[in-house]
C-alpha atoms as a PDB file:
ATOM      1  CA  MET A   1       8.033   5.581  -1.517  1.00  0.00           C
ATOM      2  CA  SER A   2       4.612   6.391  -1.691  1.00  0.00           C
ATOM      3  CA  SER A   3       3.490  10.056  -1.818  1.00  0.00           C
ATOM      4  CA  VAL A   4       1.152   9.121   0.948  1.00  0.00           C
ATOM      5  CA  THR A   5       4.276   8.698   2.787  1.00  0.00           C
ATOM      6  CA  GLU A   6       6.534  11.245   1.454  1.00  0.00           C
ATOM      7  CA  ILE A   7       3.645  13.971   2.252  1.00  0.00           C
ATOM      8  CA  LEU A   8       3.453  12.104   6.342  1.00  0.00           C
ATOM      9  CA  PHE A   9       7.787  12.582   6.352  1.00  0.00           C
ATOM     10  CA  GLN A  10       6.717  16.340   5.538  1.00  0.00           C
ATOM     11  CA  ILE A  11       4.024  16.736   8.075  1.00  0.00           C
ATOM     12  CA  GLU A  12       6.105  15.515  10.767  1.00  0.00           C
ATOM     13  CA  ARG A  13       9.189  17.229   9.539  1.00  0.00           C
ATOM     14  CA  GLY A  14       6.496  20.702  10.071  1.00  0.00           C
ATOM     15  CA  ASP A  15       5.361  21.668   6.830  1.00  0.00           C
ATOM     16  CA  SER A  16       1.264  22.019   7.887  1.00  0.00           C
ATOM     17  CA  SER A  17       0.701  22.976   3.799  1.00  0.00           C
ATOM     18  CA  SER A  18       0.851  19.339   3.577  1.00  0.00           C
ATOM     19  CA  ALA A  19      -1.672  18.355   5.421  1.00  0.00           C
ATOM     20  CA  GLU A  20      -4.026  19.758   2.954  1.00  0.00           C
ATOM     21  CA  ALA A  21      -2.655  17.783   0.267  1.00  0.00           C
ATOM     22  CA  LEU A  22      -2.615  14.340   2.373  1.00  0.00           C
ATOM     23  CA  LEU A  23      -7.158  14.612   2.288  1.00  0.00           C
ATOM     24  CA  PRO A  24      -6.987  14.637  -1.171  1.00  0.00           C
ATOM     25  CA  LEU A  25      -5.013  11.462  -1.685  1.00  0.00           C
ATOM     26  CA  VAL A  26      -6.635   9.453   1.125  1.00  0.00           C
ATOM     27  CA  TYR A  27     -10.576  10.839   1.160  1.00  0.00           C
ATOM     28  CA  ASP A  28     -11.413   8.508  -1.757  1.00  0.00           C
ATOM     29  CA  GLU A  29      -9.699   5.030  -0.370  1.00  0.00           C
ATOM     30  CA  LEU A  30     -10.722   5.873   3.190  1.00  0.00           C
ATOM     31  CA  ARG A  31     -14.128   6.846   2.108  1.00  0.00           C
ATOM     32  CA  LYS A  32     -14.307   3.321  -0.152  1.00  0.00           C
ATOM     33  CA  LEU A  33     -13.275   1.640   3.394  1.00  0.00           C
ATOM     34  CA  ALA A  34     -15.626   3.066   5.569  1.00  0.00           C
ATOM     35  CA  ALA A  35     -18.262   2.470   2.575  1.00  0.00           C
ATOM     36  CA  ASP A  36     -17.452  -1.253   2.309  1.00  0.00           C
ATOM     37  CA  LYS A  37     -17.649  -1.850   6.354  1.00  0.00           C
ATOM     38  CA  LEU A  38     -20.640  -0.091   6.358  1.00  0.00           C
ATOM     39  CA  GLU A  39     -22.327  -1.998   3.723  1.00  0.00           C
ATOM     40  CA  SER A  40     -22.024  -5.118   6.004  1.00  0.00           C
ATOM     41  CA  GLU A  41     -23.491  -3.815   9.297  1.00  0.00           C
ATOM     42  CA  SER A  42     -27.450  -4.921   9.609  1.00  0.00           C
ATOM     43  CA  PRO A  43     -29.657  -2.825   8.379  1.00  0.00           C
ATOM     44  CA  GLY A  44     -30.959   0.810   9.841  1.00  0.00           C
ATOM     45  CA  GLN A  45     -27.532   1.684  10.317  1.00  0.00           C
ATOM     46  CA  THR A  46     -27.578   5.587  10.588  1.00  0.00           C
ATOM     47  CA  LEU A  47     -23.770   6.317  10.030  1.00  0.00           C
ATOM     48  CA  GLN A  48     -22.726   6.721   6.907  1.00  0.00           C
ATOM     49  CA  ALA A  49     -19.842   6.305   5.201  1.00  0.00           C
ATOM     50  CA  THR A  50     -19.185   9.926   4.388  1.00  0.00           C
ATOM     51  CA  ALA A  51     -19.777  10.612   8.123  1.00  0.00           C
ATOM     52  CA  LEU A  52     -17.827   7.298   9.593  1.00  0.00           C
ATOM     53  CA  VAL A  53     -14.307   8.880   7.160  1.00  0.00           C
ATOM     54  CA  HIS A  54     -14.837  12.542   8.450  1.00  0.00           C
ATOM     55  CA  GLU A  55     -15.097  11.272  12.243  1.00  0.00           C
ATOM     56  CA  VAL A  56     -11.609   9.061  11.160  1.00  0.00           C
ATOM     57  CA  TRP A  57     -10.189  11.961   9.670  1.00  0.00           C
ATOM     58  CA  LEU A  58     -10.490  14.245  12.901  1.00  0.00           C
ATOM     59  CA  ARG A  59      -9.241  11.611  15.474  1.00  0.00           C
ATOM     60  CA  LEU A  60      -6.439  11.329  12.305  1.00  0.00           C
ATOM     61  CA  VAL A  61      -5.355  14.764  12.258  1.00  0.00           C
ATOM     62  CA  ASP A  62      -6.358  15.970  16.245  1.00  0.00           C
ATOM     63  CA  VAL A  63      -4.758  18.841  16.906  1.00  0.00           C
ATOM     64  CA  SER A  64      -4.267  18.464  20.076  1.00  0.00           C
ATOM     65  CA  TYR A  65      -2.415  15.633  20.324  1.00  0.00           C
ATOM     66  CA  SER A  66       0.664  15.138  17.735  1.00  0.00           C
ATOM     67  CA  GLN A  67       0.900  12.042  15.533  1.00  0.00           C
ATOM     68  CA  HIS A  68       3.697  10.477  13.376  1.00  0.00           C
ATOM     69  CA  TRP A  69       2.733   8.328  10.994  1.00  0.00           C
ATOM     70  CA  SER A  70       5.568   6.334   9.503  1.00  0.00           C
ATOM     71  CA  SER A  71       4.541   4.869   6.870  1.00  0.00           C
ATOM     72  CA  ARG A  72       1.381   4.600   4.543  1.00  0.00           C
ATOM     73  CA  ARG A  73       1.114   1.667   5.979  1.00  0.00           C
ATOM     74  CA  HIS A  74       1.035   3.422   9.702  1.00  0.00           C
ATOM     75  CA  PHE A  75      -1.403   5.609   8.374  1.00  0.00           C
ATOM     76  CA  PHE A  76      -3.952   2.847   7.091  1.00  0.00           C
ATOM     77  CA  GLY A  77      -3.221   0.961   9.906  1.00  0.00           C
ATOM     78  CA  ALA A  78      -4.280   4.185  12.270  1.00  0.00           C
ATOM     79  CA  ALA A  79      -7.504   4.784  10.130  1.00  0.00           C
ATOM     80  CA  ALA A  80      -8.481   1.101  11.051  1.00  0.00           C
ATOM     81  CA  GLU A  81      -7.847   1.398  14.305  1.00  0.00           C
ATOM     82  CA  ALA A  82      -9.999   5.105  14.457  1.00  0.00           C
ATOM     83  CA  MET A  83     -13.156   2.949  12.722  1.00  0.00           C
ATOM     84  CA  ARG A  84     -12.969  -0.469  14.640  1.00  0.00           C
ATOM     85  CA  ARG A  85     -13.178   2.328  18.122  1.00  0.00           C
ATOM     86  CA  ILE A  86     -16.200   4.009  16.413  1.00  0.00           C
ATOM     87  CA  LEU A  87     -17.893   1.426  15.188  1.00  0.00           C
ATOM     88  CA  ILE A  88     -17.106   0.224  18.671  1.00  0.00           C
ATOM     89  CA  ASP A  89     -18.505   3.070  21.223  1.00  0.00           C
ATOM     90  CA  ARG A  90     -21.507   3.288  18.862  1.00  0.00           C
ATOM     91  CA  ALA A  91     -22.091  -0.139  19.487  1.00  0.00           C
ATOM     92  CA  ARG A  92     -21.678   0.208  22.795  1.00  0.00           C
ATOM     93  CA  LYS A  93     -23.858   3.363  23.074  1.00  0.00           C
ATOM     94  CA  ARG A  94     -27.077   1.268  21.675  1.00  0.00           C
ATOM     95  CA  ASN A  95     -26.513  -1.398  24.675  1.00  0.00           C
ATOM     96  CA  ARG A  96     -26.399   0.916  27.311  1.00  0.00           C
ATOM     97  CA  LEU A  97     -29.513   1.199  29.209  1.00  0.00           C
ATOM     98  CA  LYS A  98     -29.531   4.945  28.716  1.00  0.00           C
ATOM     99  CA  HIS A  99     -30.023   4.853  25.273  1.00  0.00           C
ATOM    100  CA  GLY A 100     -32.675   1.720  25.423  1.00  0.00           C
ATOM    101  CA  GLY A 101     -29.662  -0.922  25.353  1.00  0.00           C
ATOM    102  CA  ASP A 102     -32.188  -3.045  27.012  1.00  0.00           C
ATOM    103  CA  CYS A 103     -34.914  -2.375  24.331  1.00  0.00           C
ATOM    104  CA  GLN A 104     -35.780  -4.429  21.144  1.00  0.00           C
ATOM    105  CA  ARG A 105     -34.597  -2.233  18.519  1.00  0.00           C
ATOM    106  CA  ILE A 106     -37.436  -3.096  14.835  1.00  0.00           C
ATOM    107  CA  THR A 107     -37.830  -1.915  11.681  1.00  0.00           C
ATOM    108  CA  LEU A 108     -40.904  -1.153   9.826  1.00  0.00           C
ATOM    109  CA  GLN A 109     -40.084  -4.173   7.766  1.00  0.00           C
ATOM    110  CA  LEU A 110     -39.837  -7.037  10.080  1.00  0.00           C
ATOM    111  CA  ASP A 111     -38.473  -9.686   8.012  1.00  0.00           C
ATOM    112  CA  GLU A 112     -35.009  -7.035   7.962  1.00  0.00           C
ATOM    113  CA  ILE A 113     -34.403  -7.770  11.809  1.00  0.00           C
ATOM    114  CA  PRO A 114     -31.622  -9.261  12.186  1.00  0.00           C
ATOM    115  CA  GLU A 115     -31.688 -12.266  14.602  1.00  0.00           C
ATOM    116  CA  GLU A 116     -28.448 -11.910  17.006  1.00  0.00           C
ATOM    117  CA  ASN A 117     -27.980  -8.756  18.133  1.00  0.00           C
ATOM    118  CA  GLU A 118     -25.143  -7.444  16.345  1.00  0.00           C
ATOM    119  CA  ASP A 119     -24.365  -4.556  18.905  1.00  0.00           C
ATOM    120  CA  ASP A 120     -23.615  -7.846  21.527  1.00  0.00           C
ATOM    121  CA  LEU A 121     -20.742  -9.234  18.734  1.00  0.00           C
ATOM    122  CA  ILE A 122     -18.722  -6.406  17.975  1.00  0.00           C
ATOM    123  CA  GLU A 123     -18.457  -6.055  21.899  1.00  0.00           C
ATOM    124  CA  ALA A 124     -17.170  -9.393  22.136  1.00  0.00           C
ATOM    125  CA  LEU A 125     -15.117  -9.426  18.818  1.00  0.00           C
ATOM    126  CA  ASP A 126     -13.666  -6.201  21.016  1.00  0.00           C
ATOM    127  CA  GLU A 127     -13.343  -7.856  23.873  1.00  0.00           C
ATOM    128  CA  ALA A 128     -11.135 -11.177  21.683  1.00  0.00           C
ATOM    129  CA  LEU A 129      -9.030  -8.708  19.562  1.00  0.00           C
ATOM    130  CA  ARG A 130      -7.730  -7.027  22.961  1.00  0.00           C
ATOM    131  CA  ARG A 131      -6.521 -10.597  24.007  1.00  0.00           C
ATOM    132  CA  PHE A 132      -5.189 -11.661  20.450  1.00  0.00           C
ATOM    133  CA  GLN A 133      -3.364  -8.281  20.243  1.00  0.00           C
ATOM    134  CA  LYS A 134      -1.236  -9.709  23.465  1.00  0.00           C
ATOM    135  CA  ILE A 135      -1.236 -13.549  20.870  1.00  0.00           C
ATOM    136  CA  ASP A 136       0.173 -11.830  17.429  1.00  0.00           C
ATOM    137  CA  PRO A 137      -0.208  -8.202  16.796  1.00  0.00           C
ATOM    138  CA  VAL A 138       0.398  -8.092  13.325  1.00  0.00           C
ATOM    139  CA  ALA A 139      -2.406 -10.739  12.842  1.00  0.00           C
ATOM    140  CA  CYS A 140      -4.993  -8.590  15.004  1.00  0.00           C
ATOM    141  CA  GLU A 141      -3.461  -5.893  12.517  1.00  0.00           C
ATOM    142  CA  LEU A 142      -4.589  -7.698   8.992  1.00  0.00           C
ATOM    143  CA  VAL A 143      -8.024  -8.123  11.060  1.00  0.00           C
ATOM    144  CA  LYS A 144      -8.605  -4.915  11.587  1.00  0.00           C
ATOM    145  CA  LEU A 145      -7.739  -3.691   8.701  1.00  0.00           C
ATOM    146  CA  ARG A 146      -9.428  -6.576   6.811  1.00  0.00           C
ATOM    147  CA  TYR A 147     -12.972  -6.056   9.299  1.00  0.00           C
ATOM    148  CA  PHE A 148     -12.885  -2.683  10.036  1.00  0.00           C
ATOM    149  CA  ALA A 149     -11.588  -1.098   7.229  1.00  0.00           C
ATOM    150  CA  GLY A 150     -12.458  -3.520   4.465  1.00  0.00           C
ATOM    151  CA  LEU A 151      -9.191  -4.114   2.443  1.00  0.00           C
ATOM    152  CA  THR A 152      -9.182  -7.360   0.868  1.00  0.00           C
ATOM    153  CA  GLY A 153      -6.272  -9.823   1.860  1.00  0.00           C
ATOM    154  CA  HIS A 154      -3.823  -8.565  -0.893  1.00  0.00           C
ATOM    155  CA  ASP A 155      -4.273  -4.860  -0.681  1.00  0.00           C
ATOM    156  CA  ALA A 156      -3.937  -5.586   3.848  1.00  0.00           C
ATOM    157  CA  ALA A 157      -0.614  -7.723   3.041  1.00  0.00           C
ATOM    158  CA  GLU A 158       0.678  -4.781   0.758  1.00  0.00           C
ATOM    159  CA  THR A 159      -0.219  -2.010   4.097  1.00  0.00           C
ATOM    160  CA  LEU A 160       1.564  -4.805   6.315  1.00  0.00           C
ATOM    161  CA  GLU A 161       4.352  -5.320   3.790  1.00  0.00           C
ATOM    162  CA  ILE A 162       3.659  -8.908   4.346  1.00  0.00           C
ATOM    163  CA  SER A 163       3.565 -11.644   1.469  1.00  0.00           C
ATOM    164  CA  PRO A 164      -0.178 -12.197   0.906  1.00  0.00           C
ATOM    165  CA  ARG A 165       0.648 -15.956   1.835  1.00  0.00           C
ATOM    166  CA  THR A 166       1.639 -15.075   4.870  1.00  0.00           C
ATOM    167  CA  ALA A 167      -1.345 -12.899   5.185  1.00  0.00           C
ATOM    168  CA  ASP A 168      -3.694 -16.026   4.302  1.00  0.00           C
ATOM    169  CA  ARG A 169      -2.011 -17.784   6.964  1.00  0.00           C
ATOM    170  CA  LEU A 170      -2.887 -15.058   9.892  1.00  0.00           C
ATOM    171  CA  TRP A 171      -6.041 -14.228   8.197  1.00  0.00           C
ATOM    172  CA  SER A 172      -6.844 -18.389   8.659  1.00  0.00           C
ATOM    173  CA  PHE A 173      -5.448 -18.412  12.082  1.00  0.00           C
ATOM    174  CA  ALA A 174      -6.864 -15.056  13.154  1.00  0.00           C
ATOM    175  CA  LYS A 175     -10.390 -16.030  12.189  1.00  0.00           C
ATOM    176  CA  ALA A 176     -10.315 -19.279  13.560  1.00  0.00           C
ATOM    177  CA  TRP A 177      -9.046 -18.174  17.036  1.00  0.00           C
ATOM    178  CA  LEU A 178     -11.402 -14.693  16.983  1.00  0.00           C
ATOM    179  CA  LEU A 179     -14.400 -17.083  15.685  1.00  0.00           C
ATOM    180  CA  ARG A 180     -14.087 -19.613  18.954  1.00  0.00           C
ATOM    181  CA  GLU A 181     -13.815 -16.567  21.392  1.00  0.00           C
ATOM    182  CA  VAL A 182     -16.546 -15.002  20.248  1.00  0.00           C
ATOM    183  CA  GLN A 183     -19.060 -17.921  19.916  1.00  0.00           C
ATOM    184  CA  ASN A 184     -17.860 -18.866  23.739  1.00  0.00           C
ATOM    185  CA  ALA A 185     -18.178 -15.141  25.236  1.00  0.00           C
ATOM    186  CA  LEU A 186     -21.942 -14.605  23.679  1.00  0.00           C
ATOM    187  CA  ASN A 187     -22.142 -18.017  24.982  1.00  0.00           C
ATOM    188  CA  ASP A 188     -21.347 -16.941  28.293  1.00  0.00           C
ATOM    189  CA  SER A 189     -23.236 -13.421  27.630  1.00  0.00           C
ATOM    190  CA  PRO A 190     -26.951 -13.763  29.918  1.00  0.00           C
END
């Protein structure tokens, strides 16, 4: 059993001092995951990896909601889900008319303007993931860990406690299914 899992069990048993021990163990890994994810975002992204990790951490340790993580896999799955929700919320907010959603955002360097609206892509991906969750929950969790948390295929397989070969097979299926769904959604949008 990993030290992260042991600390999670201690927290669940009510040892509040264990929560202080958890952050140093997971912070660097969460920060690396956030940095990897944000690196693939379009230029002009204002959210920094440190800020994303802090938002994720606040959601994970929210005292108004009792959280029980059964393992390292469960904890990092929750972290990946929190990252996904934060990024989707930001994309939705930027797309709202109230926040200039009908205006094209440009950078000072015109050669860096993205050709496609990334916020629309993220929203289409979120809708497709919601449908995909009903079809194959494990493959959906794999997508969240790889895409939103930035884990490698091997690390995601280890986190999900499945073989790397199974993870590769699920990843291939998920990419093909999601690509079709996202392309259909983007082609149907005005």
